[in-house]
Protein backbone atom coordinates (compact mmCIF):
# COMPACT_ATOMS: atom_id res chain seq x y z
CA HIS A 1 22.50 -46.70 -104.72
CA HIS A 2 19.32 -48.59 -105.56
CA GLN A 3 19.79 -51.52 -103.20
CA PRO A 4 17.40 -51.64 -100.22
CA ARG A 5 18.88 -50.66 -96.86
CA ARG A 6 20.03 -53.65 -94.83
CA THR A 7 21.31 -54.19 -91.33
CA ILE A 8 24.77 -55.71 -91.45
CA THR A 9 25.60 -58.09 -88.62
CA TYR A 10 28.67 -60.02 -87.65
CA ARG A 11 29.76 -62.38 -84.93
CA LEU A 12 31.65 -60.86 -82.01
CA LYS A 13 33.56 -63.66 -80.34
CA THR A 14 34.63 -63.47 -76.73
CA MET A 15 36.07 -66.00 -74.37
CA THR A 16 32.66 -66.75 -72.89
CA LYS A 17 30.00 -66.21 -75.53
CA THR A 18 29.17 -65.23 -79.10
CA THR A 19 26.98 -62.13 -79.56
CA THR A 20 25.24 -60.82 -82.66
CA THR A 21 25.86 -57.06 -82.87
CA THR A 22 24.88 -54.57 -85.56
CA LEU A 23 27.56 -52.50 -87.22
CA LYS A 24 25.82 -49.35 -86.00
CA GLU A 25 25.95 -50.55 -82.39
CA THR A 26 29.62 -51.43 -82.72
CA ALA A 27 30.43 -48.07 -84.27
CA ALA A 28 28.57 -46.29 -81.47
CA ARG A 29 30.69 -48.11 -78.90
CA CYS A 30 33.86 -47.20 -80.77
CA CYS A 31 32.93 -43.54 -81.16
CA LYS A 32 33.95 -41.22 -78.36
CA LYS A 33 31.13 -39.28 -76.70
CA VAL A 34 32.07 -35.66 -76.13
CA TYR A 35 29.99 -33.10 -74.26
CA ILE A 36 29.53 -29.84 -76.17
CA GLY A 37 28.05 -27.44 -73.66
CA THR A 38 27.23 -23.85 -72.93
CA ALA A 39 26.40 -21.82 -69.85
CA VAL A 40 22.77 -20.74 -69.60
CA LEU A 41 20.71 -18.04 -67.89
CA PRO A 42 16.94 -18.00 -67.37
CA LYS A 43 16.10 -14.70 -69.04
CA PRO A 44 17.09 -15.52 -72.65
CA LEU A 45 15.83 -19.07 -72.25
CA PHE A 46 12.31 -18.07 -71.27
CA ILE A 47 11.74 -14.49 -72.48
CA TYR A 48 11.25 -13.81 -76.19
CA ASP A 49 13.59 -11.20 -77.63
CA HIS A 50 13.35 -9.01 -80.72
CA ASP A 51 14.63 -11.81 -82.98
CA ASP A 52 11.72 -13.98 -81.92
CA ASP A 53 9.29 -11.14 -82.58
CA ILE A 54 10.70 -10.69 -86.09
CA GLU A 55 10.37 -14.41 -86.81
CA SER A 56 6.76 -14.37 -85.61
CA LYS A 57 5.68 -11.88 -88.30
CA SER A 58 5.37 -14.67 -90.86
CA GLY A 59 1.70 -14.92 -90.03
CA ASP A 60 1.44 -15.93 -86.39
CA ASP A 61 0.62 -13.50 -83.64
CA PRO A 62 3.68 -12.24 -81.72
CA PRO A 63 4.53 -14.66 -78.91
CA PRO A 64 3.69 -13.49 -75.41
CA ILE A 65 6.26 -12.14 -73.00
CA ILE A 66 6.88 -14.71 -70.27
CA LYS A 67 7.40 -13.65 -66.66
CA CYS A 68 10.29 -15.60 -65.21
CA ALA A 69 13.37 -15.54 -63.07
CA THR A 70 16.16 -13.38 -64.48
CA ILE A 71 19.68 -12.62 -63.37
CA ASN A 72 18.16 -9.79 -61.32
CA PRO A 73 16.29 -10.34 -58.05
CA VAL A 74 12.57 -10.92 -58.34
CA GLU A 75 9.96 -9.82 -55.87
CA ALA A 76 8.60 -12.36 -53.41
CA THR A 77 5.11 -11.79 -54.84
CA ASP A 78 6.10 -12.57 -58.45
CA PRO A 79 4.64 -15.82 -59.84
CA HIS A 80 6.89 -18.57 -61.10
CA HIS A 81 7.73 -18.59 -64.77
CA SER A 82 5.51 -20.28 -67.32
CA THR A 83 6.96 -22.56 -69.97
CA PRO A 84 6.83 -20.77 -73.35
CA ALA A 85 4.40 -22.33 -75.80
CA LYS A 86 7.02 -21.85 -78.52
CA PRO A 87 10.73 -22.12 -77.57
CA THR A 88 12.69 -18.89 -77.81
CA ARG A 89 15.37 -18.54 -80.46
CA TYR A 90 17.95 -18.92 -77.70
CA ALA A 91 16.31 -22.17 -76.56
CA ARG A 92 16.09 -23.54 -80.11
CA THR A 93 19.79 -22.89 -80.59
CA LEU A 94 20.61 -24.46 -77.25
CA PHE A 95 18.80 -27.71 -77.98
CA SER A 96 19.90 -27.99 -81.62
CA GLU A 97 23.62 -27.25 -81.14
CA PHE A 98 24.51 -28.55 -77.66
CA ASN A 99 24.19 -31.79 -75.76
CA SER A 100 25.27 -30.31 -72.44
CA LEU A 101 24.55 -27.21 -70.40
CA VAL A 102 26.09 -25.63 -67.33
CA ILE A 103 24.20 -23.82 -64.58
CA GLU A 104 26.84 -21.13 -64.46
CA HIS A 105 25.54 -18.47 -62.08
CA HIS A 106 22.45 -19.42 -60.12
CA LEU A 107 23.92 -22.48 -58.37
CA LYS A 108 26.63 -20.52 -56.60
CA TRP A 109 26.25 -20.33 -52.85
CA THR A 110 25.62 -16.60 -52.49
CA PRO A 111 22.84 -16.45 -55.12
CA LEU A 112 21.11 -19.43 -53.54
CA VAL A 113 20.88 -18.00 -50.04
CA HIS A 114 21.82 -14.34 -50.02
CA SER A 115 22.00 -12.04 -53.03
CA LEU A 116 19.69 -13.56 -55.64
CA PRO A 117 16.74 -15.27 -53.97
CA GLY A 118 13.66 -16.17 -55.90
CA PRO A 119 10.16 -15.67 -54.48
CA PHE A 120 10.85 -16.23 -50.81
CA HIS A 121 8.09 -15.87 -48.28
CA PRO A 122 8.28 -12.26 -47.02
CA GLU A 123 9.21 -13.27 -43.48
CA HIS A 124 12.16 -15.28 -44.80
CA ALA A 125 13.25 -12.56 -47.19
CA ALA A 126 13.40 -10.10 -44.31
CA ALA A 127 15.57 -12.35 -42.15
CA PRO A 128 19.05 -11.08 -41.27
CA PRO A 129 21.81 -12.56 -43.48
CA PRO A 130 23.16 -15.26 -41.09
CA ALA A 131 19.65 -16.70 -40.72
CA ARG A 132 19.58 -17.32 -44.49
CA PHE A 133 22.22 -20.07 -44.34
CA GLY A 134 19.63 -22.81 -43.99
CA LYS A 135 17.00 -21.22 -46.24
CA TYR A 136 17.66 -22.16 -49.85
CA ASP A 137 15.72 -21.02 -52.88
CA PHE A 138 16.18 -23.23 -55.94
CA HIS A 139 13.45 -21.47 -57.94
CA HIS A 140 15.79 -20.21 -60.67
CA VAL A 141 17.76 -23.42 -61.08
CA ASP A 142 14.71 -25.66 -61.00
CA ALA A 143 13.28 -23.62 -63.87
CA LEU A 144 16.43 -24.11 -65.94
CA VAL A 145 16.98 -27.78 -65.18
CA ASP A 146 13.38 -28.92 -65.51
CA TYR A 147 12.84 -27.06 -68.77
CA ALA A 148 16.07 -28.48 -70.25
CA LEU A 149 15.14 -32.04 -69.32
CA LEU A 150 11.62 -31.53 -70.61
CA GLN A 151 12.94 -30.49 -74.01
CA ASN A 152 15.64 -33.18 -74.09
CA PRO A 153 15.61 -35.92 -71.43
CA GLN A 154 19.14 -36.89 -72.52
CA MET A 155 20.55 -33.41 -71.94
CA HIS A 156 23.68 -33.56 -69.80
CA ILE A 157 23.69 -30.95 -67.02
CA LYS A 158 26.67 -29.79 -64.95
CA GLY A 159 26.35 -27.87 -61.70
CA HIS A 160 28.75 -24.99 -61.13
CA VAL A 161 29.94 -24.53 -58.42
CA LEU A 162 29.60 -25.90 -54.87
CA VAL A 163 32.66 -24.35 -53.21
CA TRP A 164 34.25 -21.13 -54.43
CA HIS A 165 35.39 -18.51 -51.97
CA VAL A 166 34.55 -15.66 -54.35
CA THR A 167 30.83 -16.48 -54.43
CA SER A 168 30.37 -17.73 -50.88
CA PRO A 169 28.28 -15.72 -48.41
CA PRO A 170 30.41 -12.86 -47.03
CA PHE A 171 29.33 -13.47 -43.46
CA LEU A 172 31.34 -16.72 -43.38
CA GLU A 173 34.27 -14.52 -42.45
CA ASP A 174 32.64 -13.72 -39.11
CA LEU A 175 32.03 -17.33 -38.06
CA PRO A 176 34.29 -19.69 -36.06
CA PRO A 177 35.85 -22.65 -37.92
CA SER A 178 33.39 -25.18 -36.49
CA GLN A 179 30.41 -23.27 -37.87
CA VAL A 180 32.09 -22.69 -41.24
CA ARG A 181 32.67 -26.46 -41.56
CA SER A 182 29.09 -27.22 -40.54
CA HIS A 183 27.57 -24.71 -42.97
CA LEU A 184 29.87 -25.82 -45.80
CA LYS A 185 28.95 -29.48 -45.37
CA ARG A 186 25.25 -28.67 -45.16
CA HIS A 187 25.51 -26.52 -48.29
CA ILE A 188 26.99 -29.41 -50.29
CA PHE A 189 24.44 -31.93 -49.01
CA THR A 190 21.49 -29.55 -49.47
CA THR A 191 22.38 -28.50 -53.00
CA MET A 192 23.41 -31.89 -54.36
CA GLY A 193 20.53 -33.62 -52.60
CA HIS A 194 17.98 -31.31 -54.18
CA PHE A 195 19.22 -32.09 -57.70
CA ARG A 196 20.14 -35.76 -57.27
CA GLY A 197 19.14 -37.61 -60.43
CA ARG A 198 18.87 -34.40 -62.45
CA ILE A 199 22.39 -32.95 -62.16
CA ARG A 200 24.96 -35.73 -62.37
CA MET A 201 28.19 -33.75 -62.75
CA TRP A 202 29.50 -31.08 -60.37
CA ASP A 203 32.35 -28.63 -60.13
CA VAL A 204 32.98 -29.25 -56.44
CA VAL A 205 35.85 -26.84 -55.71
CA ASN A 206 36.82 -23.92 -57.92
CA GLU A 207 39.99 -21.80 -58.15
CA SER A 208 41.74 -22.72 -54.94
CA LEU A 209 45.21 -22.17 -56.46
CA ALA A 210 47.34 -19.02 -56.53
CA SER A 211 49.42 -18.05 -59.57
CA ASP A 212 52.47 -19.83 -58.12
CA GLY A 213 50.58 -23.11 -57.76
CA THR A 214 50.16 -22.95 -53.98
CA LEU A 215 46.79 -22.84 -52.24
CA VAL A 216 45.09 -19.46 -51.96
CA GLU A 217 44.62 -18.38 -48.34
CA ASN A 218 40.87 -17.86 -48.79
CA VAL A 219 38.18 -18.07 -46.13
CA PHE A 220 38.07 -21.88 -46.29
CA TYR A 221 41.84 -22.26 -46.08
CA THR A 222 42.03 -19.78 -43.21
CA LYS A 223 39.18 -21.33 -41.23
CA LEU A 224 39.60 -25.03 -42.06
CA GLY A 225 43.17 -25.49 -43.28
CA PRO A 226 44.41 -26.99 -46.57
CA GLY A 227 42.42 -30.18 -46.05
CA TYR A 228 39.14 -28.46 -46.87
CA ILE A 229 39.38 -29.50 -50.54
CA GLU A 230 39.63 -33.17 -49.64
CA GLU A 231 36.74 -32.80 -47.17
CA CYS A 232 34.52 -31.15 -49.78
CA PHE A 233 35.01 -33.98 -52.28
CA ARG A 234 34.31 -36.62 -49.66
CA TRP A 235 31.13 -34.82 -48.58
CA ALA A 236 30.04 -34.44 -52.21
CA HIS A 237 30.54 -38.16 -52.84
CA GLU A 238 28.60 -38.97 -49.70
CA ALA A 239 25.78 -36.64 -50.75
CA ASP A 240 25.46 -38.28 -54.18
CA PRO A 241 27.63 -41.39 -54.68
CA GLY A 242 26.71 -41.55 -58.37
CA ALA A 243 27.80 -38.00 -59.24
CA PHE A 244 30.87 -37.18 -61.33
CA LEU A 245 33.03 -34.79 -59.28
CA ILE A 246 35.42 -32.21 -60.74
CA TYR A 247 38.11 -29.84 -59.52
CA ASN A 248 38.08 -26.70 -61.70
CA ASP A 249 40.69 -23.93 -62.13
CA ASN A 250 41.97 -21.21 -64.45
CA LYS A 251 45.31 -20.65 -66.22
CA VAL A 252 46.27 -24.32 -65.83
CA GLU A 253 45.81 -25.44 -69.42
CA GLY A 254 49.40 -25.85 -70.62
CA CYS A 255 52.32 -28.10 -69.82
CA GLY A 256 55.72 -27.22 -71.21
CA ASN A 257 58.72 -29.40 -71.94
CA GLU A 258 62.51 -29.15 -71.91
CA GLU A 259 62.48 -26.83 -74.90
CA GLU A 260 59.72 -24.41 -73.89
CA GLU A 261 57.95 -23.49 -70.67
CA ALA A 262 54.20 -23.08 -70.87
CA PRO A 263 52.45 -19.87 -69.81
CA ASN A 264 51.57 -20.07 -66.10
CA GLN A 265 53.70 -23.20 -65.81
CA ALA A 266 53.93 -22.97 -62.02
CA LYS A 267 50.15 -22.92 -61.64
CA SER A 268 49.73 -25.75 -64.18
CA ASP A 269 52.20 -27.82 -62.16
CA GLY A 270 50.37 -26.96 -58.93
CA PHE A 271 47.09 -28.04 -60.56
CA TYR A 272 48.58 -31.39 -61.52
CA ALA A 273 50.19 -31.82 -58.10
CA LEU A 274 46.91 -31.11 -56.29
CA LEU A 275 45.02 -33.63 -58.41
CA LYS A 276 47.77 -36.21 -58.00
CA SER A 277 47.67 -35.75 -54.22
CA LEU A 278 43.90 -36.18 -54.11
CA VAL A 279 44.06 -39.33 -56.22
CA GLU A 280 46.83 -40.83 -54.11
CA LYS A 281 44.79 -40.21 -50.95
CA GLY A 282 41.81 -42.01 -52.44
CA VAL A 283 39.71 -38.85 -52.55
CA PRO A 284 36.66 -39.31 -54.84
CA VAL A 285 37.67 -36.86 -57.57
CA HIS A 286 36.81 -38.00 -61.09
CA GLY A 287 37.70 -35.13 -63.39
CA ALA A 288 39.60 -31.90 -63.91
CA GLY A 289 38.20 -28.71 -65.42
CA MET A 290 40.58 -26.39 -67.26
CA GLN A 291 38.80 -23.08 -67.77
CA ALA A 292 40.69 -21.81 -70.84
CA HIS A 293 40.01 -18.08 -70.67
CA PHE A 294 42.36 -17.16 -73.51
CA ASN A 295 43.47 -13.81 -74.88
CA ALA A 296 44.40 -13.96 -78.57
CA GLY A 297 46.52 -10.82 -78.17
CA GLY A 298 48.09 -11.84 -74.88
CA VAL A 299 51.85 -11.70 -74.40
CA GLY A 300 54.25 -12.71 -71.65
CA LYS A 301 54.35 -15.66 -69.28
CA ARG A 302 50.87 -15.14 -67.88
CA GLN A 303 48.74 -13.75 -70.72
CA ARG A 304 49.76 -15.59 -73.87
CA CYS A 305 47.84 -18.65 -75.03
CA PRO A 306 49.37 -22.07 -74.54
CA THR A 307 50.14 -23.94 -77.73
CA PRO A 308 48.01 -26.93 -78.74
CA ALA A 309 50.93 -29.23 -77.89
CA MET A 310 51.08 -27.78 -74.38
CA VAL A 311 47.36 -28.36 -73.88
CA LYS A 312 47.71 -31.91 -75.18
CA ARG A 313 50.53 -32.65 -72.72
CA GLN A 314 48.56 -31.27 -69.77
CA ILE A 315 45.50 -33.36 -70.62
CA ARG A 316 47.66 -36.45 -71.08
CA ARG A 317 49.42 -36.25 -67.73
CA ILE A 318 46.15 -35.63 -65.91
CA GLY A 319 44.60 -38.50 -67.82
CA ASP A 320 47.47 -40.70 -66.66
CA LEU A 321 46.20 -40.12 -63.11
CA GLY A 322 42.98 -41.85 -64.15
CA LEU A 323 40.97 -38.61 -64.42
CA MET A 324 38.87 -37.20 -67.25
CA VAL A 325 39.49 -33.65 -68.43
CA ASN A 326 37.10 -31.00 -69.72
CA ILE A 327 37.73 -27.51 -71.04
CA SER A 328 35.20 -25.90 -68.80
CA GLU A 329 34.78 -22.19 -69.61
CA MET A 330 36.55 -21.54 -72.90
CA ASP A 331 36.45 -18.11 -74.45
CA VAL A 332 38.93 -16.37 -76.74
CA ARG A 333 39.16 -12.63 -76.24
CA VAL A 334 40.27 -10.55 -79.19
CA SER A 335 39.99 -6.91 -78.10
CA LYS A 336 43.77 -6.45 -78.07
CA LEU A 337 44.05 -7.38 -81.74
CA PRO A 338 43.59 -4.87 -84.57
CA ALA A 339 40.07 -4.79 -85.95
CA GLY A 340 41.25 -5.51 -89.50
CA PRO A 341 39.90 -4.39 -92.86
CA GLY A 342 36.67 -6.34 -92.63
CA ASN A 343 35.51 -5.07 -89.25
CA ASP A 344 33.19 -2.37 -90.63
CA CYS A 345 32.16 -4.24 -93.77
CA ASP A 346 29.05 -6.27 -94.32
CA ASP A 347 28.97 -10.06 -94.41
CA SER A 348 29.52 -10.16 -98.16
CA ASP A 349 33.01 -8.71 -97.82
CA VAL A 350 35.57 -11.37 -98.78
CA GLU A 351 38.13 -10.14 -96.27
CA MET A 352 37.72 -11.61 -92.81
CA ASN A 353 39.05 -9.43 -90.02
CA VAL A 354 42.05 -10.62 -88.04
CA ARG A 355 40.03 -10.98 -84.85
CA THR A 356 37.69 -13.54 -86.39
CA VAL A 357 40.56 -15.46 -87.98
CA ALA A 358 42.57 -15.58 -84.74
CA GLN A 359 39.60 -16.57 -82.61
CA THR A 360 38.53 -19.33 -84.99
CA GLN A 361 42.06 -20.67 -85.32
CA ILE A 362 42.63 -20.85 -81.55
CA TYR A 363 39.34 -22.66 -80.96
CA ARG A 364 40.08 -25.12 -83.74
CA ASP A 365 43.69 -25.84 -82.79
CA ILE A 366 43.08 -26.20 -79.06
CA LEU A 367 40.05 -28.45 -79.54
CA SER A 368 41.82 -30.57 -82.15
CA ALA A 369 44.65 -31.17 -79.70
CA ALA A 370 42.26 -31.90 -76.84
CA LEU A 371 40.14 -34.31 -78.86
CA SER A 372 43.22 -36.36 -79.71
CA GLU A 373 43.60 -37.31 -76.03
CA PRO A 374 41.48 -40.18 -74.65
CA ALA A 375 41.02 -38.40 -71.31
CA PHE A 376 39.30 -35.39 -72.88
CA HIS A 377 35.51 -35.59 -72.66
CA GLY A 378 34.00 -32.18 -73.26
CA ILE A 379 33.99 -28.44 -73.57
């Protein structure tokens, strides 16, 4: 305990050269890097809440309220946000507990051009909806991304999502296939091009599968045919060749075996089959996102949680395709469980309620299984 600290070195022999490497450097190479992320919104990141006000009463003046983009539309005359002089409690938690963040809402196509613009010039804001296709407002997302990188230049940022029929502009339905293809390609190039070098990982296509594992007949399928997924990944790779590209879907987390079928087995198989097809065609897809919206009280083939072993098998077979896997939107809902004896007690009560126990156990067991697979790289 009283010896001075020393750097331990050893000789690493290869076929071509001998290199002196520190033990710390070797350990770092052997340790698996895992992204621990959370979805973020501008309002709690930039605007002080009551917890911040309480903390400020230690002697400092209360921090000022910061005008910024929120989840609600802002007027065209509103100024851009200012960076808080002191990070909000939300921001401090974000940068102390996570090494990754996801732009979960403001990067979707409809918010960018239609329903949630930032401070557009009045003449653009008044334009009829179809004229907004080529008028993008990245005000909200720029605020999030730039602030995150300012606080931590090593922060990993994922963009969600380029192509999802649910959050695409509704007036796509009224356009001929040629225009839908043109607008879709331009959307991918415009969005990825704007954030090239800042956002290096993207959910390219989201939730294209039905519960039986076949493709949903959404606006892109109807207008462009089943090949639209392949086209989107190729466009995304062309827009930013260095980006990590992901296909993301829900209720695809488990893979059964001969003894037990996993919940939503047909969709899980369809997920694997789609990824396998893309890989075999040489489509530039690099990863798979399994959303993991779990219900601790769920029952039946569709609602119950997959077991850790099922999750492990699904990650393994996707990893065998040469893809990385992330659990992309995990939450564990507990409202269907009884509240338990501790629900109305204070924190000093020794009895934990069943909801907390179940939620904690599911998170722990699923993540333990996922972390045991080499292809798993984040949540």
